[in-house]
């Protein structure tokens, strides 16, 4: 599986990669403490355009998101069933 170029767009709370003129993405929501410091991330949704499915792109997005969250010592929650598979 080739490694795609994944971009983190913190202002949109997502990780994205461009594929055949479309965008695959992993969306998340950050929760903060009273001081505004990020404490928890909830990965809410993954999407890969139909033309690019079955190539491991969703897995690459999830691994990038989890790596980012762990590096920041955020508590990780997954509303998205696909992300939840990686947390088991």
PDB file of N, CA and C in Angstrom:
ATOM      1  N   UNK A   1       0.854  -1.175   0.000  1.00  0.00           N
ATOM      2  CA  UNK A   1       0.000   0.000   0.000  1.00  0.00           C
ATOM      3  C   UNK A   1       0.896   1.232   0.000  1.00  0.00           C
ATOM      4  N   UNK A   2       0.721   2.099  -0.976  1.00  0.00           N
ATOM      5  CA  UNK A   2       1.522   3.313  -1.039  1.00  0.00           C
ATOM      6  C   UNK A   2       1.009   4.328  -0.024  1.00  0.00           C
ATOM      7  N   UNK A   3       1.921   5.144   0.470  1.00  0.00           N
ATOM      8  CA  UNK A   3       1.567   6.130   1.482  1.00  0.00           C
ATOM      9  C   UNK A   3       1.041   7.392   0.803  1.00  0.00           C
ATOM     10  N   UNK A   4      -0.175   7.757   1.124  1.00  0.00           N
ATOM     11  CA  UNK A   4      -0.796   8.963   0.573  1.00  0.00           C
ATOM     12  C   UNK A   4      -0.307  10.187   1.342  1.00  0.00           C
ATOM     13  N   UNK A   5      -0.439  11.350   0.730  1.00  0.00           N
ATOM     14  CA  UNK A   5      -0.076  12.604   1.387  1.00  0.00           C
ATOM     15  C   UNK A   5      -1.293  13.090   2.170  1.00  0.00           C
ATOM     16  N   UNK A   6      -1.209  12.959   3.477  1.00  0.00           N
ATOM     17  CA  UNK A   6      -2.314  13.336   4.351  1.00  0.00           C
ATOM     18  C   UNK A   6      -2.046  14.717   4.928  1.00  0.00           C
ATOM     19  N   UNK A   7      -3.053  15.569   4.841  1.00  0.00           N
ATOM     20  CA  UNK A   7      -2.940  16.915   5.403  1.00  0.00           C
ATOM     21  C   UNK A   7      -3.864  17.028   6.608  1.00  0.00           C
ATOM     22  N   UNK A   8      -3.359  17.671   7.663  1.00  0.00           N
ATOM     23  CA  UNK A   8      -4.175  17.953   8.841  1.00  0.00           C
ATOM     24  C   UNK A   8      -4.677  19.385   8.715  1.00  0.00           C
ATOM     25  N   UNK A   9      -5.989  19.544   8.799  1.00  0.00           N
ATOM     26  CA  UNK A   9      -6.604  20.870   8.738  1.00  0.00           C
ATOM     27  C   UNK A   9      -7.252  21.151  10.094  1.00  0.00           C
ATOM     28  N   UNK A  10      -6.461  21.635  11.061  1.00  0.00           N
ATOM     29  CA  UNK A  10      -6.993  21.815  12.411  1.00  0.00           C
ATOM     30  C   UNK A  10      -8.165  22.787  12.490  1.00  0.00           C
ATOM     31  N   UNK A  11      -8.190  23.794  11.636  1.00  0.00           N
ATOM     32  CA  UNK A  11      -9.291  24.757  11.671  1.00  0.00           C
ATOM     33  C   UNK A  11     -10.615  24.115  11.236  1.00  0.00           C
ATOM     34  N   UNK A  12     -10.526  23.033  10.465  1.00  0.00           N
ATOM     35  CA  UNK A  12     -11.724  22.295  10.049  1.00  0.00           C
ATOM     36  C   UNK A  12     -11.898  20.995  10.835  1.00  0.00           C
ATOM     37  N   UNK A  13     -10.984  20.739  11.744  1.00  0.00           N
ATOM     38  CA  UNK A  13     -10.967  19.534  12.571  1.00  0.00           C
ATOM     39  C   UNK A  13     -11.098  18.275  11.726  1.00  0.00           C
ATOM     40  N   UNK A  14     -10.121  18.115  10.815  1.00  0.00           N
ATOM     41  CA  UNK A  14     -10.116  16.917   9.978  1.00  0.00           C
ATOM     42  C   UNK A  14      -8.727  16.650   9.412  1.00  0.00           C
ATOM     43  N   UNK A  15      -8.560  15.417   8.957  1.00  0.00           N
ATOM     44  CA  UNK A  15      -7.402  14.983   8.185  1.00  0.00           C
ATOM     45  C   UNK A  15      -7.932  14.648   6.803  1.00  0.00           C
ATOM     46  N   UNK A  16      -7.226  15.075   5.761  1.00  0.00           N
ATOM     47  CA  UNK A  16      -7.712  14.863   4.399  1.00  0.00           C
ATOM     48  C   UNK A  16      -6.584  14.374   3.492  1.00  0.00           C
ATOM     49  N   UNK A  17      -7.007  13.741   2.414  1.00  0.00           N
ATOM     50  CA  UNK A  17      -6.085  13.459   1.322  1.00  0.00           C
ATOM     51  C   UNK A  17      -6.863  13.547   0.026  1.00  0.00           C
ATOM     52  N   UNK A  18      -6.192  14.051  -0.992  1.00  0.00           N
ATOM     53  CA  UNK A  18      -6.827  14.229  -2.293  1.00  0.00           C
ATOM     54  C   UNK A  18      -6.643  12.960  -3.109  1.00  0.00           C
ATOM     55  N   UNK A  19      -7.727  12.520  -3.712  1.00  0.00           N
ATOM     56  CA  UNK A  19      -7.692  11.307  -4.511  1.00  0.00           C
ATOM     57  C   UNK A  19      -8.600  11.474  -5.727  1.00  0.00           C
ATOM     58  N   UNK A  20      -8.006  11.442  -6.890  1.00  0.00           N
ATOM     59  CA  UNK A  20      -8.730  11.537  -8.159  1.00  0.00           C
ATOM     60  C   UNK A  20      -9.707  12.717  -8.185  1.00  0.00           C
ATOM     61  N   UNK A  21      -9.243  13.872  -7.771  1.00  0.00           N
ATOM     62  CA  UNK A  21     -10.055  15.079  -7.802  1.00  0.00           C
ATOM     63  C   UNK A  21     -11.099  15.179  -6.703  1.00  0.00           C
ATOM     64  N   UNK A  22     -11.096  14.223  -5.789  1.00  0.00           N
ATOM     65  CA  UNK A  22     -12.029  14.239  -4.667  1.00  0.00           C
ATOM     66  C   UNK A  22     -11.229  14.198  -3.370  1.00  0.00           C
ATOM     67  N   UNK A  23     -11.930  14.206  -2.260  1.00  0.00           N
ATOM     68  CA  UNK A  23     -11.251  14.263  -0.973  1.00  0.00           C
ATOM     69  C   UNK A  23     -11.731  13.147  -0.045  1.00  0.00           C
ATOM     70  N   UNK A  24     -10.770  12.384   0.467  1.00  0.00           N
ATOM     71  CA  UNK A  24     -11.046  11.426   1.532  1.00  0.00           C
ATOM     72  C   UNK A  24     -10.756  12.160   2.832  1.00  0.00           C
ATOM     73  N   UNK A  25     -11.530  11.833   3.902  1.00  0.00           N
ATOM     74  CA  UNK A  25     -11.327  12.605   5.123  1.00  0.00           C
ATOM     75  C   UNK A  25     -11.658  11.814   6.368  1.00  0.00           C
ATOM     76  N   UNK A  26     -11.047  12.263   7.451  1.00  0.00           N
ATOM     77  CA  UNK A  26     -11.332  11.787   8.806  1.00  0.00           C
ATOM     78  C   UNK A  26     -11.687  13.026   9.613  1.00  0.00           C
ATOM     79  N   UNK A  27     -12.914  13.078  10.099  1.00  0.00           N
ATOM     80  CA  UNK A  27     -13.388  14.230  10.875  1.00  0.00           C
ATOM     81  C   UNK A  27     -13.287  13.940  12.363  1.00  0.00           C
ATOM     82  N   UNK A  28     -13.049  14.987  13.136  1.00  0.00           N
ATOM     83  CA  UNK A  28     -12.990  14.844  14.590  1.00  0.00           C
ATOM     84  C   UNK A  28     -13.540  16.090  15.268  1.00  0.00           C
ATOM     85  N   UNK A  29     -13.798  15.938  16.574  1.00  0.00           N
ATOM     86  CA  UNK A  29     -14.211  17.066  17.415  1.00  0.00           C
ATOM     87  C   UNK A  29     -13.314  17.075  18.642  1.00  0.00           C
ATOM     88  N   UNK A  30     -12.810  18.241  18.965  1.00  0.00           N
ATOM     89  CA  UNK A  30     -11.983  18.406  20.158  1.00  0.00           C
ATOM     90  C   UNK A  30     -12.823  18.905  21.319  1.00  0.00           C
ATOM     91  N   UNK A  31     -12.561  18.372  22.499  1.00  0.00           N
ATOM     92  CA  UNK A  31     -13.155  18.888  23.738  1.00  0.00           C
ATOM     93  C   UNK A  31     -12.022  19.506  24.542  1.00  0.00           C
ATOM     94  N   UNK A  32     -12.315  20.626  25.165  1.00  0.00           N
ATOM     95  CA  UNK A  32     -11.290  21.333  25.930  1.00  0.00           C
ATOM     96  C   UNK A  32     -11.679  21.428  27.396  1.00  0.00           C
ATOM     97  N   UNK A  33     -10.677  21.718  28.220  1.00  0.00           N
ATOM     98  CA  UNK A  33     -10.956  21.959  29.633  1.00  0.00           C
ATOM     99  C   UNK A  33     -11.365  23.415  29.824  1.00  0.00           C
ATOM    100  N   UNK A  34     -11.567  23.828  31.057  1.00  0.00           N
ATOM    101  CA  UNK A  34     -12.028  25.193  31.357  1.00  0.00           C
ATOM    102  C   UNK A  34     -11.060  26.259  30.861  1.00  0.00           C
ATOM    103  N   UNK A  35      -9.773  25.906  30.779  1.00  0.00           N
ATOM    104  CA  UNK A  35      -8.769  26.859  30.321  1.00  0.00           C
ATOM    105  C   UNK A  35      -8.613  26.859  28.797  1.00  0.00           C
ATOM    106  N   UNK A  36      -9.371  26.003  28.114  1.00  0.00           N
ATOM    107  CA  UNK A  36      -9.286  25.946  26.661  1.00  0.00           C
ATOM    108  C   UNK A  36      -8.248  24.980  26.131  1.00  0.00           C
ATOM    109  N   UNK A  37      -7.639  24.204  27.012  1.00  0.00           N
ATOM    110  CA  UNK A  37      -6.628  23.236  26.589  1.00  0.00           C
ATOM    111  C   UNK A  37      -7.327  21.973  26.069  1.00  0.00           C
ATOM    112  N   UNK A  38      -6.956  21.503  24.865  1.00  0.00           N
ATOM    113  CA  UNK A  38      -7.555  20.269  24.337  1.00  0.00           C
ATOM    114  C   UNK A  38      -7.295  19.093  25.277  1.00  0.00           C
ATOM    115  N   UNK A  39      -8.353  18.352  25.586  1.00  0.00           N
ATOM    116  CA  UNK A  39      -8.245  17.211  26.496  1.00  0.00           C
ATOM    117  C   UNK A  39      -8.669  15.895  25.836  1.00  0.00           C
ATOM    118  N   UNK A  40      -9.639  15.976  24.913  1.00  0.00           N
ATOM    119  CA  UNK A  40     -10.209  14.774  24.319  1.00  0.00           C
ATOM    120  C   UNK A  40     -10.495  15.018  22.844  1.00  0.00           C
ATOM    121  N   UNK A  41     -10.305  13.978  22.057  1.00  0.00           N
ATOM    122  CA  UNK A  41     -10.670  14.029  20.650  1.00  0.00           C
ATOM    123  C   UNK A  41     -11.650  12.899  20.369  1.00  0.00           C
ATOM    124  N   UNK A  42     -12.707  13.235  19.671  1.00  0.00           N
ATOM    125  CA  UNK A  42     -13.702  12.248  19.239  1.00  0.00           C
ATOM    126  C   UNK A  42     -13.632  12.174  17.721  1.00  0.00           C
ATOM    127  N   UNK A  43     -13.184  11.025  17.215  1.00  0.00           N
ATOM    128  CA  UNK A  43     -13.164  10.818  15.772  1.00  0.00           C
ATOM    129  C   UNK A  43     -14.573  10.424  15.350  1.00  0.00           C
ATOM    130  N   UNK A  44     -15.197  11.264  14.543  1.00  0.00           N
ATOM    131  CA  UNK A  44     -16.627  11.146  14.281  1.00  0.00           C
ATOM    132  C   UNK A  44     -16.993  10.507  12.945  1.00  0.00           C
ATOM    133  N   UNK A  45     -16.120  10.605  11.948  1.00  0.00           N
ATOM    134  CA  UNK A  45     -16.532  10.146  10.622  1.00  0.00           C
ATOM    135  C   UNK A  45     -15.332   9.940   9.714  1.00  0.00           C
ATOM    136  N   UNK A  46     -15.361   8.865   8.946  1.00  0.00           N
ATOM    137  CA  UNK A  46     -14.383   8.677   7.871  1.00  0.00           C
ATOM    138  C   UNK A  46     -15.154   8.590   6.563  1.00  0.00           C
ATOM    139  N   UNK A  47     -14.533   9.085   5.511  1.00  0.00           N
ATOM    140  CA  UNK A  47     -15.138   9.004   4.185  1.00  0.00           C
ATOM    141  C   UNK A  47     -14.040   8.848   3.143  1.00  0.00           C
ATOM    142  N   UNK A  48     -14.244   7.892   2.242  1.00  0.00           N
ATOM    143  CA  UNK A  48     -13.371   7.723   1.078  1.00  0.00           C
ATOM    144  C   UNK A  48     -14.282   7.667  -0.143  1.00  0.00           C
ATOM    145  N   UNK A  49     -13.989   8.479  -1.168  1.00  0.00           N
ATOM    146  CA  UNK A  49     -14.807   8.437  -2.376  1.00  0.00           C
ATOM    147  C   UNK A  49     -14.872   7.018  -2.950  1.00  0.00           C
ATOM    148  N   UNK A  50     -15.992   6.688  -3.523  1.00  0.00           N
ATOM    149  CA  UNK A  50     -16.213   5.334  -4.030  1.00  0.00           C
ATOM    150  C   UNK A  50     -15.113   4.870  -4.984  1.00  0.00           C
ATOM    151  N   UNK A  51     -14.620   5.754  -5.831  1.00  0.00           N
ATOM    152  CA  UNK A  51     -13.599   5.380  -6.814  1.00  0.00           C
ATOM    153  C   UNK A  51     -12.272   4.983  -6.171  1.00  0.00           C
ATOM    154  N   UNK A  52     -12.078   5.333  -4.894  1.00  0.00           N
ATOM    155  CA  UNK A  52     -10.806   5.063  -4.229  1.00  0.00           C
ATOM    156  C   UNK A  52     -10.922   4.053  -3.085  1.00  0.00           C
ATOM    157  N   UNK A  53     -12.075   3.455  -2.924  1.00  0.00           N
ATOM    158  CA  UNK A  53     -12.259   2.512  -1.821  1.00  0.00           C
ATOM    159  C   UNK A  53     -11.479   1.222  -2.076  1.00  0.00           C
ATOM    160  N   UNK A  54     -11.142   0.550  -0.983  1.00  0.00           N
ATOM    161  CA  UNK A  54     -10.427  -0.715  -1.086  1.00  0.00           C
ATOM    162  C   UNK A  54      -8.932  -0.571  -1.286  1.00  0.00           C
ATOM    163  N   UNK A  55      -8.405   0.627  -1.107  1.00  0.00           N
ATOM    164  CA  UNK A  55      -6.972   0.883  -1.302  1.00  0.00           C
ATOM    165  C   UNK A  55      -6.249   1.190   0.008  1.00  0.00           C
ATOM    166  N   UNK A  56      -6.958   1.097   1.123  1.00  0.00           N
ATOM    167  CA  UNK A  56      -6.331   1.343   2.420  1.00  0.00           C
ATOM    168  C   UNK A  56      -6.232   2.806   2.811  1.00  0.00           C
ATOM    169  N   UNK A  57      -6.936   3.672   2.104  1.00  0.00           N
ATOM    170  CA  UNK A  57      -6.827   5.109   2.392  1.00  0.00           C
ATOM    171  C   UNK A  57      -7.472   5.471   3.727  1.00  0.00           C
ATOM    172  N   UNK A  58      -8.611   4.873   4.041  1.00  0.00           N
ATOM    173  CA  UNK A  58      -9.257   5.153   5.330  1.00  0.00           C
ATOM    174  C   UNK A  58      -8.325   4.737   6.469  1.00  0.00           C
ATOM    175  N   UNK A  59      -7.682   3.602   6.325  1.00  0.00           N
ATOM    176  CA  UNK A  59      -6.744   3.149   7.366  1.00  0.00           C
ATOM    177  C   UNK A  59      -5.604   4.143   7.539  1.00  0.00           C
ATOM    178  N   UNK A  60      -5.077   4.652   6.442  1.00  0.00           N
ATOM    179  CA  UNK A  60      -3.997   5.637   6.527  1.00  0.00           C
ATOM    180  C   UNK A  60      -4.462   6.895   7.246  1.00  0.00           C
ATOM    181  N   UNK A  61      -5.663   7.355   6.944  1.00  0.00           N
ATOM    182  CA  UNK A  61      -6.209   8.530   7.620  1.00  0.00           C
ATOM    183  C   UNK A  61      -6.356   8.282   9.118  1.00  0.00           C
ATOM    184  N   UNK A  62      -6.911   7.134   9.478  1.00  0.00           N
ATOM    185  CA  UNK A  62      -7.120   6.813  10.893  1.00  0.00           C
ATOM    186  C   UNK A  62      -5.789   6.715  11.620  1.00  0.00           C
ATOM    187  N   UNK A  63      -4.822   6.048  11.031  1.00  0.00           N
ATOM    188  CA  UNK A  63      -3.512   5.925  11.692  1.00  0.00           C
ATOM    189  C   UNK A  63      -2.865   7.297  11.888  1.00  0.00           C
ATOM    190  N   UNK A  64      -3.026   8.189  10.917  1.00  0.00           N
ATOM    191  CA  UNK A  64      -2.483   9.551  11.058  1.00  0.00           C
ATOM    192  C   UNK A  64      -3.190  10.296  12.183  1.00  0.00           C
ATOM    193  N   UNK A  65      -4.517  10.188  12.238  1.00  0.00           N
ATOM    194  CA  UNK A  65      -5.276  10.857  13.290  1.00  0.00           C
ATOM    195  C   UNK A  65      -4.941  10.324  14.676  1.00  0.00           C
ATOM    196  N   UNK A  66      -4.847   9.020  14.805  1.00  0.00           N
ATOM    197  CA  UNK A  66      -4.519   8.430  16.107  1.00  0.00           C
ATOM    198  C   UNK A  66      -3.107   8.798  16.534  1.00  0.00           C
ATOM    199  N   UNK A  67      -2.183   8.801  15.607  1.00  0.00           N
ATOM    200  CA  UNK A  67      -0.802   9.189  15.919  1.00  0.00           C
ATOM    201  C   UNK A  67      -0.748  10.634  16.419  1.00  0.00           C
ATOM    202  N   UNK A  68      -1.469  11.512  15.743  1.00  0.00           N
ATOM    203  CA  UNK A  68      -1.537  12.920  16.147  1.00  0.00           C
ATOM    204  C   UNK A  68      -2.112  13.047  17.558  1.00  0.00           C
ATOM    205  N   UNK A  69      -3.226  12.348  17.826  1.00  0.00           N
ATOM    206  CA  UNK A  69      -3.883  12.437  19.136  1.00  0.00           C
ATOM    207  C   UNK A  69      -2.993  11.894  20.243  1.00  0.00           C
ATOM    208  N   UNK A  70      -2.342  10.781  19.984  1.00  0.00           N
ATOM    209  CA  UNK A  70      -1.464  10.176  21.005  1.00  0.00           C
ATOM    210  C   UNK A  70      -0.258  11.054  21.286  1.00  0.00           C
ATOM    211  N   UNK A  71       0.289  11.688  20.255  1.00  0.00           N
ATOM    212  CA  UNK A  71       1.438  12.576  20.441  1.00  0.00           C
ATOM    213  C   UNK A  71       1.081  13.765  21.329  1.00  0.00           C
ATOM    214  N   UNK A  72      -0.190  14.135  21.346  1.00  0.00           N
ATOM    215  CA  UNK A  72      -0.656  15.257  22.176  1.00  0.00           C
ATOM    216  C   UNK A  72      -1.288  14.785  23.479  1.00  0.00           C
ATOM    217  N   UNK A  73      -1.217  13.497  23.721  1.00  0.00           N
ATOM    218  CA  UNK A  73      -1.736  12.877  24.943  1.00  0.00           C
ATOM    219  C   UNK A  73      -3.221  13.203  25.167  1.00  0.00           C
ATOM    220  N   UNK A  74      -3.979  13.176  24.078  1.00  0.00           N
ATOM    221  CA  UNK A  74      -5.413  13.415  24.169  1.00  0.00           C
ATOM    222  C   UNK A  74      -6.129  12.105  24.474  1.00  0.00           C
ATOM    223  N   UNK A  75      -7.191  12.198  25.234  1.00  0.00           N
ATOM    224  CA  UNK A  75      -8.049  11.041  25.422  1.00  0.00           C
ATOM    225  C   UNK A  75      -8.754  10.810  24.083  1.00  0.00           C
ATOM    226  N   UNK A  76      -8.797   9.558  23.633  1.00  0.00           N
ATOM    227  CA  UNK A  76      -9.353   9.251  22.314  1.00  0.00           C
ATOM    228  C   UNK A  76     -10.694   8.539  22.459  1.00  0.00           C
ATOM    229  N   UNK A  77     -11.690   9.069  21.748  1.00  0.00           N
ATOM    230  CA  UNK A  77     -13.029   8.490  21.683  1.00  0.00           C
ATOM    231  C   UNK A  77     -13.347   8.322  20.204  1.00  0.00           C
ATOM    232  N   UNK A  78     -14.141   7.309  19.879  1.00  0.00           N
ATOM    233  CA  UNK A  78     -14.494   7.102  18.476  1.00  0.00           C
ATOM    234  C   UNK A  78     -15.993   6.896  18.327  1.00  0.00           C
ATOM    235  N   UNK A  79     -16.677   7.889  17.809  1.00  0.00           N
ATOM    236  CA  UNK A  79     -18.077   7.735  17.430  1.00  0.00           C
ATOM    237  C   UNK A  79     -18.169   6.983  16.112  1.00  0.00           C
ATOM    238  N   UNK A  80     -17.122   7.061  15.326  1.00  0.00           N
ATOM    239  CA  UNK A  80     -17.060   6.387  14.032  1.00  0.00           C
ATOM    240  C   UNK A  80     -16.713   4.916  14.239  1.00  0.00           C
ATOM    241  N   UNK A  81     -17.530   4.024  13.699  1.00  0.00           N
ATOM    242  CA  UNK A  81     -17.310   2.591  13.872  1.00  0.00           C
ATOM    243  C   UNK A  81     -15.974   2.151  13.295  1.00  0.00           C
ATOM    244  N   UNK A  82     -15.538   2.767  12.203  1.00  0.00           N
ATOM    245  CA  UNK A  82     -14.290   2.361  11.573  1.00  0.00           C
ATOM    246  C   UNK A  82     -13.093   2.693  12.462  1.00  0.00           C
ATOM    247  N   UNK A  83     -13.099   3.858  13.057  1.00  0.00           N
ATOM    248  CA  UNK A  83     -12.019   4.240  13.975  1.00  0.00           C
ATOM    249  C   UNK A  83     -12.057   3.357  15.215  1.00  0.00           C
ATOM    250  N   UNK A  84     -13.246   3.047  15.695  1.00  0.00           N
ATOM    251  CA  UNK A  84     -13.384   2.211  16.893  1.00  0.00           C
ATOM    252  C   UNK A  84     -12.694   0.859  16.718  1.00  0.00           C
ATOM    253  N   UNK A  85     -12.677   0.323  15.494  1.00  0.00           N
ATOM    254  CA  UNK A  85     -11.992  -0.951  15.239  1.00  0.00           C
ATOM    255  C   UNK A  85     -10.523  -0.874  15.612  1.00  0.00           C
ATOM    256  N   UNK A  86      -9.900   0.272  15.430  1.00  0.00           N
ATOM    257  CA  UNK A  86      -8.476   0.436  15.713  1.00  0.00           C
ATOM    258  C   UNK A  86      -8.202   0.588  17.204  1.00  0.00           C
ATOM    259  N   UNK A  87      -9.222   0.892  17.977  1.00  0.00           N
ATOM    260  CA  UNK A  87      -9.041   1.118  19.413  1.00  0.00           C
ATOM    261  C   UNK A  87      -9.290  -0.148  20.235  1.00  0.00           C
ATOM    262  N   UNK A  88      -9.788  -1.184  19.595  1.00  0.00           N
ATOM    263  CA  UNK A  88     -10.048  -2.447  20.307  1.00  0.00           C
ATOM    264  C   UNK A  88      -8.785  -3.212  20.517  1.00  0.00           C
TER     265      UNK A  88
END
